[in-house]
Amino acid sequence: MFSKFLNLDKEKQDRIINAAIKEFAQKGYDHASTNEIVKVAGISKGLLFHYFGNKKQMFLFLFDHCYELIADHFYQKIDLTEKDFFTRIRQAVIIKMELLKTYPDLFKFIEEAYLEDSPEVKMEVDKKIKELNEVNLGKVYEGIDFSKFRNDMDIKKILKIITWTFEKLSAEELFKAKLSPEHHINYERIFLEAEEYFEILTKAFYK
């Protein structure tokens, strides 16, 4: 669908992508201006729609692009041979913090996409997020040594409790960010709070 755009040289692709990411991240979907994007990118509006079709398709393309880029770097760094569940999850949190510092604009765009309320894109973005979360949870749990968990409890229920705990933690932070004018997510505070939960859950569910 985006073959015309993907056939451009990388410098031009990056110029358009960076301009669009900043505009959407700063203003949200409804208020983002394609006029501003083409001005910063140095292309005509006709060309922008030639590459993407419309504003909605461009936004969804950017979401996939940003998520894939971050995921690729994440899986290059994480050690999936680590069999201890909580060690691996801690590792995932630390890598995310490192990536946040390396790609702040990409994370800002992804954050805004998660918070996006525009009916034009919300359904598609929510569907993508649900599918990606299921895929990534499967990968992160793969190869874990479940023998470390207590024998007197159902392992599936344990994993659900742990997953729900961190989903709720994430949901609360997203809600706080949505209420703040800057839509800022305090990842360092999340990391410290997550560490407290790690300790409690390890004591509760490990032998």
N, C-alpha and C. Protein backbone atom coordinates (compact mmCIF):
# COMPACT_ATOMS: atom_id res chain seq x y z
N MET A 1 0.81 -1.21 0.00
CA MET A 1 0.00 0.00 0.00
C MET A 1 0.85 1.27 0.00
N PHE A 2 2.01 1.19 0.67
CA PHE A 2 2.87 2.37 0.78
C PHE A 2 4.14 2.20 -0.06
N SER A 3 4.05 1.41 -1.12
CA SER A 3 5.23 1.09 -1.93
C SER A 3 5.86 2.34 -2.54
N LYS A 4 5.04 3.32 -2.94
CA LYS A 4 5.59 4.54 -3.55
C LYS A 4 6.46 5.29 -2.55
N PHE A 5 6.00 5.33 -1.31
CA PHE A 5 6.79 6.00 -0.27
C PHE A 5 8.05 5.21 0.04
N LEU A 6 7.93 3.89 0.15
CA LEU A 6 9.06 3.04 0.53
C LEU A 6 10.11 2.95 -0.57
N ASN A 7 9.75 3.35 -1.79
CA ASN A 7 10.72 3.37 -2.89
C ASN A 7 11.55 4.66 -2.93
N LEU A 8 11.19 5.62 -2.08
CA LEU A 8 11.97 6.86 -2.01
C LEU A 8 13.32 6.58 -1.36
N ASP A 9 14.29 7.48 -1.60
CA ASP A 9 15.58 7.30 -0.92
C ASP A 9 15.39 7.55 0.57
N LYS A 10 16.27 6.96 1.39
CA LYS A 10 16.08 6.97 2.85
C LYS A 10 16.07 8.38 3.43
N GLU A 11 16.89 9.25 2.88
CA GLU A 11 16.95 10.62 3.41
C GLU A 11 15.59 11.31 3.30
N LYS A 12 14.92 11.12 2.15
CA LYS A 12 13.62 11.75 1.95
C LYS A 12 12.56 11.08 2.82
N GLN A 13 12.63 9.75 2.93
CA GLN A 13 11.70 9.05 3.82
C GLN A 13 11.82 9.57 5.25
N ASP A 14 13.05 9.66 5.73
CA ASP A 14 13.28 10.11 7.11
C ASP A 14 12.78 11.53 7.32
N ARG A 15 12.97 12.38 6.33
CA ARG A 15 12.54 13.77 6.44
C ARG A 15 11.02 13.86 6.61
N ILE A 16 10.30 13.08 5.81
CA ILE A 16 8.84 13.08 5.87
C ILE A 16 8.37 12.45 7.18
N ILE A 17 8.95 11.32 7.54
CA ILE A 17 8.56 10.61 8.77
C ILE A 17 8.80 11.48 10.00
N ASN A 18 9.97 12.10 10.08
CA ASN A 18 10.29 12.93 11.25
C ASN A 18 9.36 14.13 11.37
N ALA A 19 9.04 14.74 10.24
CA ALA A 19 8.12 15.89 10.24
C ALA A 19 6.73 15.46 10.72
N ALA A 20 6.26 14.32 10.23
CA ALA A 20 4.92 13.84 10.58
C ALA A 20 4.86 13.39 12.04
N ILE A 21 5.88 12.67 12.50
CA ILE A 21 5.92 12.20 13.89
C ILE A 21 5.84 13.39 14.85
N LYS A 22 6.63 14.43 14.59
CA LYS A 22 6.62 15.60 15.48
C LYS A 22 5.27 16.29 15.49
N GLU A 23 4.67 16.44 14.32
CA GLU A 23 3.39 17.14 14.23
C GLU A 23 2.30 16.36 14.98
N PHE A 24 2.21 15.07 14.76
CA PHE A 24 1.19 14.26 15.43
C PHE A 24 1.45 14.18 16.94
N ALA A 25 2.72 14.02 17.32
CA ALA A 25 3.07 13.89 18.74
C ALA A 25 2.75 15.17 19.51
N GLN A 26 2.96 16.31 18.87
CA GLN A 26 2.74 17.59 19.54
C GLN A 26 1.26 17.99 19.58
N LYS A 27 0.50 17.64 18.54
CA LYS A 27 -0.85 18.18 18.43
C LYS A 27 -1.97 17.14 18.46
N GLY A 28 -1.62 15.86 18.41
CA GLY A 28 -2.66 14.84 18.35
C GLY A 28 -3.20 14.73 16.93
N TYR A 29 -4.00 13.68 16.69
CA TYR A 29 -4.44 13.40 15.33
C TYR A 29 -5.31 14.51 14.75
N ASP A 30 -6.34 14.90 15.45
CA ASP A 30 -7.31 15.86 14.90
C ASP A 30 -6.69 17.22 14.59
N HIS A 31 -5.77 17.67 15.46
CA HIS A 31 -5.21 19.02 15.32
C HIS A 31 -3.92 19.06 14.49
N ALA A 32 -3.37 17.89 14.18
CA ALA A 32 -2.15 17.86 13.35
C ALA A 32 -2.47 18.39 11.95
N SER A 33 -1.55 19.18 11.41
CA SER A 33 -1.77 19.82 10.11
C SER A 33 -0.88 19.20 9.04
N THR A 34 -1.51 18.69 7.98
CA THR A 34 -0.72 18.16 6.87
C THR A 34 0.03 19.31 6.16
N ASN A 35 -0.51 20.53 6.25
CA ASN A 35 0.19 21.69 5.68
C ASN A 35 1.53 21.91 6.38
N GLU A 36 1.51 21.74 7.71
CA GLU A 36 2.74 21.91 8.49
C GLU A 36 3.72 20.79 8.19
N ILE A 37 3.21 19.58 8.03
CA ILE A 37 4.08 18.43 7.74
C ILE A 37 4.82 18.63 6.42
N VAL A 38 4.08 19.02 5.37
CA VAL A 38 4.72 19.18 4.06
C VAL A 38 5.69 20.37 4.06
N LYS A 39 5.37 21.38 4.85
CA LYS A 39 6.25 22.55 4.95
C LYS A 39 7.59 22.16 5.56
N VAL A 40 7.54 21.42 6.67
CA VAL A 40 8.77 20.99 7.35
C VAL A 40 9.52 19.95 6.52
N ALA A 41 8.77 19.05 5.87
CA ALA A 41 9.39 17.98 5.08
C ALA A 41 9.93 18.48 3.74
N GLY A 42 9.45 19.65 3.29
CA GLY A 42 9.93 20.20 2.02
C GLY A 42 9.38 19.49 0.80
N ILE A 43 8.10 19.07 0.89
CA ILE A 43 7.45 18.43 -0.26
C ILE A 43 6.08 19.09 -0.47
N SER A 44 5.43 18.75 -1.58
CA SER A 44 4.10 19.30 -1.83
C SER A 44 3.04 18.43 -1.14
N LYS A 45 1.88 19.02 -0.90
CA LYS A 45 0.79 18.28 -0.27
C LYS A 45 0.30 17.16 -1.19
N GLY A 46 0.32 17.43 -2.48
CA GLY A 46 -0.08 16.41 -3.45
C GLY A 46 0.79 15.17 -3.35
N LEU A 47 2.10 15.39 -3.17
CA LEU A 47 3.02 14.26 -3.04
C LEU A 47 2.76 13.48 -1.77
N LEU A 48 2.48 14.20 -0.68
CA LEU A 48 2.21 13.53 0.59
C LEU A 48 1.04 12.55 0.45
N PHE A 49 -0.02 13.00 -0.18
CA PHE A 49 -1.19 12.14 -0.35
C PHE A 49 -0.96 11.10 -1.44
N HIS A 50 -0.05 11.38 -2.36
CA HIS A 50 0.35 10.39 -3.37
C HIS A 50 1.02 9.19 -2.67
N TYR A 51 1.81 9.50 -1.63
CA TYR A 51 2.54 8.44 -0.91
C TYR A 51 1.64 7.68 0.07
N PHE A 52 0.72 8.41 0.73
CA PHE A 52 -0.03 7.79 1.83
C PHE A 52 -1.54 7.67 1.60
N GLY A 53 -2.07 8.35 0.62
CA GLY A 53 -3.51 8.29 0.36
C GLY A 53 -4.28 9.35 1.12
N ASN A 54 -4.16 9.36 2.45
CA ASN A 54 -4.83 10.37 3.26
C ASN A 54 -4.16 10.47 4.63
N LYS A 55 -4.63 11.39 5.42
CA LYS A 55 -4.05 11.65 6.75
C LYS A 55 -4.15 10.42 7.66
N LYS A 56 -5.30 9.75 7.63
CA LYS A 56 -5.51 8.58 8.48
C LYS A 56 -4.52 7.47 8.16
N GLN A 57 -4.34 7.17 6.86
CA GLN A 57 -3.41 6.11 6.46
C GLN A 57 -1.97 6.47 6.82
N MET A 58 -1.64 7.76 6.73
CA MET A 58 -0.30 8.20 7.13
C MET A 58 -0.09 7.97 8.62
N PHE A 59 -1.08 8.31 9.44
CA PHE A 59 -0.99 8.12 10.89
C PHE A 59 -0.80 6.65 11.25
N LEU A 60 -1.60 5.78 10.63
CA LEU A 60 -1.50 4.34 10.92
C LEU A 60 -0.18 3.77 10.44
N PHE A 61 0.34 4.28 9.30
CA PHE A 61 1.66 3.87 8.82
C PHE A 61 2.72 4.25 9.84
N LEU A 62 2.64 5.47 10.37
CA LEU A 62 3.62 5.94 11.34
C LEU A 62 3.57 5.12 12.63
N PHE A 63 2.36 4.74 13.04
CA PHE A 63 2.24 3.91 14.25
C PHE A 63 2.98 2.59 14.04
N ASP A 64 2.73 1.92 12.92
CA ASP A 64 3.40 0.65 12.62
C ASP A 64 4.92 0.85 12.53
N HIS A 65 5.33 1.92 11.86
CA HIS A 65 6.75 2.20 11.67
C HIS A 65 7.46 2.39 13.02
N CYS A 66 6.89 3.22 13.88
CA CYS A 66 7.50 3.51 15.17
C CYS A 66 7.55 2.27 16.06
N TYR A 67 6.43 1.54 16.09
CA TYR A 67 6.36 0.34 16.92
C TYR A 67 7.36 -0.71 16.46
N GLU A 68 7.45 -0.92 15.15
CA GLU A 68 8.37 -1.93 14.61
C GLU A 68 9.82 -1.56 14.88
N LEU A 69 10.14 -0.28 14.75
CA LEU A 69 11.51 0.17 14.99
C LEU A 69 11.91 -0.06 16.44
N ILE A 70 11.02 0.32 17.35
CA ILE A 70 11.30 0.13 18.78
C ILE A 70 11.37 -1.36 19.12
N ALA A 71 10.43 -2.15 18.59
CA ALA A 71 10.41 -3.59 18.87
C ALA A 71 11.66 -4.28 18.35
N ASP A 72 12.12 -3.90 17.15
CA ASP A 72 13.34 -4.49 16.58
C ASP A 72 14.53 -4.27 17.50
N HIS A 73 14.68 -3.04 17.97
CA HIS A 73 15.80 -2.72 18.87
C HIS A 73 15.64 -3.42 20.22
N PHE A 74 14.40 -3.52 20.68
CA PHE A 74 14.14 -4.19 21.96
C PHE A 74 14.57 -5.64 21.90
N TYR A 75 14.18 -6.36 20.83
CA TYR A 75 14.48 -7.78 20.74
C TYR A 75 15.95 -8.05 20.40
N GLN A 76 16.64 -7.04 19.89
CA GLN A 76 18.09 -7.17 19.69
C GLN A 76 18.83 -7.14 21.03
N LYS A 77 18.23 -6.43 22.01
CA LYS A 77 18.90 -6.22 23.29
C LYS A 77 18.51 -7.23 24.36
N ILE A 78 17.26 -7.68 24.35
CA ILE A 78 16.81 -8.55 25.45
C ILE A 78 17.40 -9.95 25.32
N ASP A 79 17.74 -10.54 26.44
CA ASP A 79 18.31 -11.89 26.47
C ASP A 79 17.17 -12.89 26.70
N LEU A 80 16.68 -13.49 25.62
CA LEU A 80 15.57 -14.43 25.74
C LEU A 80 16.04 -15.82 26.18
N THR A 81 17.36 -15.96 26.43
CA THR A 81 17.84 -17.22 27.01
C THR A 81 17.76 -17.17 28.54
N GLU A 82 17.53 -15.96 29.08
CA GLU A 82 17.34 -15.82 30.53
C GLU A 82 16.04 -16.51 30.92
N LYS A 83 16.13 -17.51 31.80
CA LYS A 83 14.96 -18.32 32.10
C LYS A 83 14.18 -17.85 33.33
N ASP A 84 14.81 -17.00 34.15
CA ASP A 84 14.10 -16.53 35.34
C ASP A 84 13.09 -15.46 34.93
N PHE A 85 11.83 -15.68 35.29
CA PHE A 85 10.74 -14.81 34.85
C PHE A 85 10.96 -13.35 35.26
N PHE A 86 11.21 -13.12 36.54
CA PHE A 86 11.30 -11.74 37.03
C PHE A 86 12.59 -11.04 36.56
N THR A 87 13.66 -11.81 36.40
CA THR A 87 14.89 -11.23 35.86
C THR A 87 14.67 -10.75 34.44
N ARG A 88 13.94 -11.56 33.66
CA ARG A 88 13.67 -11.18 32.27
C ARG A 88 12.76 -9.95 32.19
N ILE A 89 11.74 -9.89 33.05
CA ILE A 89 10.82 -8.75 33.03
C ILE A 89 11.56 -7.48 33.46
N ARG A 90 12.43 -7.59 34.48
CA ARG A 90 13.23 -6.43 34.90
C ARG A 90 14.10 -5.95 33.74
N GLN A 91 14.69 -6.91 33.06
CA GLN A 91 15.54 -6.61 31.90
C GLN A 91 14.74 -5.85 30.84
N ALA A 92 13.51 -6.28 30.60
CA ALA A 92 12.65 -5.63 29.61
C ALA A 92 12.37 -4.18 29.99
N VAL A 93 12.12 -3.95 31.28
CA VAL A 93 11.84 -2.58 31.75
C VAL A 93 13.07 -1.69 31.56
N ILE A 94 14.25 -2.20 31.89
CA ILE A 94 15.49 -1.42 31.75
C ILE A 94 15.76 -1.09 30.28
N ILE A 95 15.56 -2.06 29.40
CA ILE A 95 15.77 -1.82 27.97
C ILE A 95 14.80 -0.76 27.46
N LYS A 96 13.57 -0.81 27.93
CA LYS A 96 12.59 0.19 27.51
C LYS A 96 13.04 1.59 27.94
N MET A 97 13.59 1.70 29.15
CA MET A 97 14.09 2.99 29.63
C MET A 97 15.23 3.49 28.74
N GLU A 98 16.13 2.58 28.34
CA GLU A 98 17.25 2.96 27.47
C GLU A 98 16.74 3.42 26.10
N LEU A 99 15.77 2.69 25.57
CA LEU A 99 15.21 3.05 24.26
C LEU A 99 14.48 4.39 24.32
N LEU A 100 13.84 4.65 25.45
CA LEU A 100 13.14 5.92 25.63
C LEU A 100 14.10 7.10 25.49
N LYS A 101 15.29 6.93 26.06
CA LYS A 101 16.30 8.00 25.99
C LYS A 101 16.88 8.12 24.58
N THR A 102 16.95 7.00 23.87
CA THR A 102 17.53 6.99 22.52
C THR A 102 16.54 7.51 21.48
N TYR A 103 15.26 7.16 21.64
CA TYR A 103 14.23 7.53 20.65
C TYR A 103 13.07 8.29 21.31
N PRO A 104 13.33 9.44 21.88
CA PRO A 104 12.25 10.16 22.58
C PRO A 104 11.09 10.55 21.69
N ASP A 105 11.37 10.96 20.44
CA ASP A 105 10.29 11.38 19.54
C ASP A 105 9.38 10.21 19.16
N LEU A 106 9.98 9.04 18.94
CA LEU A 106 9.19 7.86 18.60
C LEU A 106 8.29 7.46 19.76
N PHE A 107 8.84 7.49 20.98
CA PHE A 107 8.04 7.13 22.14
C PHE A 107 6.93 8.15 22.38
N LYS A 108 7.24 9.42 22.14
CA LYS A 108 6.23 10.46 22.32
C LYS A 108 5.06 10.24 21.36
N PHE A 109 5.40 9.88 20.11
CA PHE A 109 4.33 9.59 19.13
C PHE A 109 3.50 8.39 19.57
N ILE A 110 4.18 7.31 19.99
CA ILE A 110 3.48 6.10 20.43
C ILE A 110 2.58 6.41 21.63
N GLU A 111 3.11 7.20 22.58
CA GLU A 111 2.31 7.59 23.75
C GLU A 111 1.04 8.31 23.32
N GLU A 112 1.20 9.27 22.41
CA GLU A 112 0.04 10.03 21.94
C GLU A 112 -0.95 9.12 21.20
N ALA A 113 -0.43 8.15 20.46
CA ALA A 113 -1.31 7.20 19.76
C ALA A 113 -2.12 6.38 20.77
N TYR A 114 -1.48 5.96 21.87
CA TYR A 114 -2.17 5.21 22.92
C TYR A 114 -3.28 6.05 23.56
N LEU A 115 -3.04 7.36 23.66
CA LEU A 115 -4.00 8.26 24.30
C LEU A 115 -5.02 8.84 23.33
N GLU A 116 -4.86 8.53 22.05
CA GLU A 116 -5.68 9.16 21.00
C GLU A 116 -7.16 8.81 21.13
N ASP A 117 -7.99 9.86 21.10
CA ASP A 117 -9.44 9.67 21.23
C ASP A 117 -10.19 9.91 19.93
N SER A 118 -9.50 10.36 18.90
CA SER A 118 -10.18 10.68 17.65
C SER A 118 -10.90 9.45 17.10
N PRO A 119 -12.21 9.56 16.87
CA PRO A 119 -12.96 8.40 16.36
C PRO A 119 -12.47 7.93 14.98
N GLU A 120 -11.75 8.81 14.29
CA GLU A 120 -11.27 8.45 12.94
C GLU A 120 -10.20 7.36 12.99
N VAL A 121 -9.42 7.32 14.09
CA VAL A 121 -8.32 6.34 14.16
C VAL A 121 -8.35 5.46 15.41
N LYS A 122 -9.14 5.82 16.40
CA LYS A 122 -9.09 5.13 17.70
C LYS A 122 -9.33 3.63 17.58
N MET A 123 -10.35 3.22 16.83
CA MET A 123 -10.67 1.79 16.72
C MET A 123 -9.51 0.99 16.13
N GLU A 124 -8.91 1.52 15.05
CA GLU A 124 -7.80 0.82 14.40
C GLU A 124 -6.57 0.75 15.31
N VAL A 125 -6.28 1.87 16.00
CA VAL A 125 -5.11 1.89 16.89
C VAL A 125 -5.32 0.95 18.06
N ASP A 126 -6.50 0.96 18.67
CA ASP A 126 -6.78 0.06 19.80
C ASP A 126 -6.64 -1.40 19.38
N LYS A 127 -7.09 -1.72 18.18
CA LYS A 127 -6.98 -3.09 17.67
C LYS A 127 -5.51 -3.49 17.49
N LYS A 128 -4.72 -2.57 16.92
CA LYS A 128 -3.30 -2.83 16.72
C LYS A 128 -2.60 -3.05 18.07
N ILE A 129 -2.92 -2.20 19.05
CA ILE A 129 -2.29 -2.30 20.36
C ILE A 129 -2.61 -3.65 21.01
N LYS A 130 -3.88 -4.07 20.94
CA LYS A 130 -4.29 -5.35 21.53
C LYS A 130 -3.53 -6.51 20.88
N GLU A 131 -3.44 -6.51 19.56
CA GLU A 131 -2.75 -7.58 18.84
C GLU A 131 -1.26 -7.60 19.17
N LEU A 132 -0.63 -6.42 19.20
CA LEU A 132 0.80 -6.33 19.48
C LEU A 132 1.11 -6.76 20.90
N ASN A 133 0.26 -6.39 21.85
CA ASN A 133 0.48 -6.78 23.24
C ASN A 133 0.43 -8.30 23.40
N GLU A 134 -0.50 -8.93 22.71
CA GLU A 134 -0.62 -10.40 22.79
C GLU A 134 0.62 -11.09 22.21
N VAL A 135 1.10 -10.58 21.08
CA VAL A 135 2.29 -11.14 20.43
C VAL A 135 3.52 -10.97 21.33
N ASN A 136 3.68 -9.77 21.87
CA ASN A 136 4.87 -9.48 22.67
C ASN A 136 4.87 -10.22 23.99
N LEU A 137 3.69 -10.38 24.60
CA LEU A 137 3.62 -11.15 25.84
C LEU A 137 4.05 -12.59 25.59
N GLY A 138 3.62 -13.14 24.47
CA GLY A 138 4.00 -14.50 24.11
C GLY A 138 5.51 -14.64 23.98
N LYS A 139 6.15 -13.67 23.35
CA LYS A 139 7.60 -13.71 23.16
C LYS A 139 8.34 -13.56 24.49
N VAL A 140 7.88 -12.62 25.31
CA VAL A 140 8.57 -12.34 26.57
C VAL A 140 8.45 -13.53 27.54
N TYR A 141 7.35 -14.29 27.46
CA TYR A 141 7.17 -15.44 28.35
C TYR A 141 7.82 -16.72 27.81
N GLU A 142 8.23 -16.70 26.55
CA GLU A 142 8.76 -17.91 25.91
C GLU A 142 10.06 -18.37 26.58
N GLY A 143 10.14 -19.69 26.88
CA GLY A 143 11.37 -20.26 27.43
C GLY A 143 11.59 -20.03 28.91
N ILE A 144 10.60 -19.50 29.61
CA ILE A 144 10.72 -19.23 31.05
C ILE A 144 10.75 -20.55 31.84
N ASP A 145 11.54 -20.57 32.91
CA ASP A 145 11.61 -21.73 33.79
C ASP A 145 10.47 -21.63 34.81
N PHE A 146 9.37 -22.27 34.49
CA PHE A 146 8.20 -22.18 35.37
C PHE A 146 8.32 -23.07 36.60
N SER A 147 9.39 -23.89 36.70
CA SER A 147 9.57 -24.74 37.87
C SER A 147 9.88 -23.93 39.12
N LYS A 148 10.26 -22.66 38.93
CA LYS A 148 10.56 -21.80 40.08
C LYS A 148 9.29 -21.33 40.79
N PHE A 149 8.16 -21.42 40.09
CA PHE A 149 6.90 -20.98 40.68
C PHE A 149 6.35 -22.04 41.64
N ARG A 150 5.54 -21.61 42.57
CA ARG A 150 4.94 -22.52 43.55
C ARG A 150 4.11 -23.60 42.88
N ASN A 151 4.18 -24.81 43.46
CA ASN A 151 3.45 -25.95 42.89
C ASN A 151 1.98 -25.97 43.30
N ASP A 152 1.65 -25.25 44.37
CA ASP A 152 0.28 -25.31 44.89
C ASP A 152 -0.65 -24.29 44.23
N MET A 153 -0.19 -23.66 43.14
CA MET A 153 -1.01 -22.68 42.44
C MET A 153 -1.00 -22.96 40.94
N ASP A 154 -2.07 -22.57 40.28
CA ASP A 154 -2.19 -22.72 38.83
C ASP A 154 -1.30 -21.68 38.15
N ILE A 155 -0.31 -22.15 37.38
CA ILE A 155 0.66 -21.24 36.76
C ILE A 155 -0.02 -20.25 35.81
N LYS A 156 -1.06 -20.69 35.13
CA LYS A 156 -1.77 -19.79 34.20
C LYS A 156 -2.42 -18.63 34.95
N LYS A 157 -2.96 -18.95 36.13
CA LYS A 157 -3.59 -17.90 36.94
C LYS A 157 -2.53 -16.95 37.51
N ILE A 158 -1.38 -17.51 37.88
CA ILE A 158 -0.28 -16.67 38.38
C ILE A 158 0.14 -15.66 37.32
N LEU A 159 0.33 -16.15 36.09
CA LEU A 159 0.75 -15.27 35.00
C LEU A 159 -0.31 -14.22 34.69
N LYS A 160 -1.58 -14.61 34.81
CA LYS A 160 -2.65 -13.64 34.59
C LYS A 160 -2.60 -12.54 35.65
N ILE A 161 -2.40 -12.93 36.91
CA ILE A 161 -2.32 -11.94 37.99
C ILE A 161 -1.17 -10.97 37.75
N ILE A 162 0.00 -11.52 37.37
CA ILE A 162 1.17 -10.67 37.11
C ILE A 162 0.92 -9.75 35.93
N THR A 163 0.35 -10.32 34.86
CA THR A 163 0.06 -9.52 33.66
C THR A 163 -0.93 -8.41 33.98
N TRP A 164 -2.00 -8.76 34.70
CA TRP A 164 -3.02 -7.77 35.06
C TRP A 164 -2.43 -6.66 35.94
N THR A 165 -1.52 -7.04 36.83
CA THR A 165 -0.89 -6.06 37.72
C THR A 165 -0.18 -4.98 36.92
N PHE A 166 0.63 -5.42 35.95
CA PHE A 166 1.41 -4.44 35.18
C PHE A 166 0.57 -3.74 34.11
N GLU A 167 -0.49 -4.41 33.65
CA GLU A 167 -1.43 -3.73 32.74
C GLU A 167 -2.14 -2.60 33.47
N LYS A 168 -2.53 -2.88 34.72
CA LYS A 168 -3.21 -1.86 35.53
C LYS A 168 -2.26 -0.71 35.84
N LEU A 169 -1.02 -1.04 36.16
CA LEU A 169 -0.02 0.00 36.42
C LEU A 169 0.16 0.89 35.20
N SER A 170 0.25 0.27 34.03
CA SER A 170 0.39 1.02 32.78
C SER A 170 -0.85 1.87 32.50
N ALA A 171 -2.03 1.29 32.73
CA ALA A 171 -3.28 2.01 32.47
C ALA A 171 -3.40 3.24 33.37
N GLU A 172 -2.99 3.10 34.63
CA GLU A 172 -3.05 4.23 35.56
C GLU A 172 -2.13 5.36 35.11
N GLU A 173 -0.93 4.98 34.65
CA GLU A 173 0.03 6.01 34.19
C GLU A 173 -0.47 6.69 32.93
N LEU A 174 -1.08 5.92 32.02
CA LEU A 174 -1.64 6.53 30.81
C LEU A 174 -2.78 7.48 31.15
N PHE A 175 -3.58 7.10 32.15
CA PHE A 175 -4.69 7.97 32.56
C PHE A 175 -4.16 9.27 33.14
N LYS A 176 -3.13 9.18 33.98
CA LYS A 176 -2.51 10.38 34.55
C LYS A 176 -1.94 11.27 33.45
N ALA A 177 -1.28 10.63 32.48
CA ALA A 177 -0.68 11.39 31.37
C ALA A 177 -1.76 12.09 30.56
N LYS A 178 -2.88 11.42 30.38
CA LYS A 178 -3.97 11.99 29.59
C LYS A 178 -4.53 13.25 30.25
N LEU A 179 -4.53 13.27 31.57
CA LEU A 179 -5.05 14.41 32.32
C LEU A 179 -4.06 15.57 32.39
N SER A 180 -2.78 15.28 32.19
CA SER A 180 -1.78 16.35 32.28
C SER A 180 -1.68 17.10 30.96
N PRO A 181 -1.42 18.42 31.00
CA PRO A 181 -1.36 19.22 29.77
C PRO A 181 -0.28 18.73 28.79
N GLU A 182 0.84 18.23 29.33
CA GLU A 182 1.96 17.83 28.46
C GLU A 182 1.85 16.38 28.00
N HIS A 183 0.86 15.63 28.55
CA HIS A 183 0.74 14.19 28.26
C HIS A 183 2.05 13.47 28.58
N HIS A 184 2.69 13.88 29.69
CA HIS A 184 4.01 13.33 30.03
C HIS A 184 3.87 12.05 30.85
N ILE A 185 4.62 11.03 30.46
CA ILE A 185 4.67 9.78 31.22
C ILE A 185 6.01 9.70 31.94
N ASN A 186 5.96 9.55 33.26
CA ASN A 186 7.17 9.50 34.08
C ASN A 186 7.66 8.05 34.16
N TYR A 187 8.53 7.68 33.23
CA TYR A 187 8.98 6.30 33.15
C TYR A 187 9.86 5.90 34.34
N GLU A 188 10.62 6.85 34.88
CA GLU A 188 11.48 6.52 36.02
C GLU A 188 10.64 6.17 37.24
N ARG A 189 9.53 6.91 37.43
CA ARG A 189 8.64 6.60 38.54
C ARG A 189 7.98 5.23 38.34
N ILE A 190 7.62 4.93 37.09
CA ILE A 190 7.02 3.62 36.78
C ILE A 190 8.00 2.50 37.10
N PHE A 191 9.27 2.71 36.74
CA PHE A 191 10.30 1.70 36.98
C PHE A 191 10.44 1.42 38.47
N LEU A 192 10.47 2.48 39.28
CA LEU A 192 10.62 2.31 40.73
C LEU A 192 9.40 1.61 41.33
N GLU A 193 8.21 1.98 40.86
CA GLU A 193 7.00 1.34 41.36
C GLU A 193 6.93 -0.12 40.91
N ALA A 194 7.34 -0.38 39.66
CA ALA A 194 7.35 -1.75 39.15
C ALA A 194 8.28 -2.63 39.99
N GLU A 195 9.42 -2.07 40.40
CA GLU A 195 10.39 -2.81 41.21
C GLU A 195 9.75 -3.26 42.53
N GLU A 196 8.92 -2.41 43.11
CA GLU A 196 8.24 -2.77 44.36
C GLU A 196 7.29 -3.96 44.13
N TYR A 197 6.60 -3.91 42.99
CA TYR A 197 5.69 -5.02 42.67
C TYR A 197 6.47 -6.31 42.38
N PHE A 198 7.63 -6.18 41.71
CA PHE A 198 8.46 -7.35 41.44
C PHE A 198 8.79 -8.08 42.74
N GLU A 199 9.19 -7.34 43.75
CA GLU A 199 9.57 -7.93 45.04
C GLU A 199 8.39 -8.65 45.69
N ILE A 200 7.23 -7.98 45.68
CA ILE A 200 6.03 -8.58 46.29
C ILE A 200 5.62 -9.84 45.54
N LEU A 201 5.58 -9.77 44.21
CA LEU A 201 5.13 -10.90 43.39
C LEU A 201 6.11 -12.07 43.44
N THR A 202 7.41 -11.77 43.54
CA THR A 202 8.41 -12.84 43.65
C THR A 202 8.20 -13.60 44.95
N LYS A 203 8.00 -12.87 46.05
CA LYS A 203 7.78 -13.52 47.36
C LYS A 203 6.47 -14.32 47.36
N ALA A 204 5.48 -13.81 46.66
CA ALA A 204 4.16 -14.45 46.68
C ALA A 204 4.12 -15.72 45.82
N PHE A 205 4.84 -15.74 44.71
CA PHE A 205 4.63 -16.81 43.73
C PHE A 205 5.83 -17.73 43.50
N TYR A 206 7.02 -17.35 43.95
CA TYR A 206 8.17 -18.25 43.84
C TYR A 206 8.26 -19.16 45.06
N LYS A 207 8.87 -20.32 44.87
CA LYS A 207 9.04 -21.29 45.97
C LYS A 207 9.98 -20.72 47.02
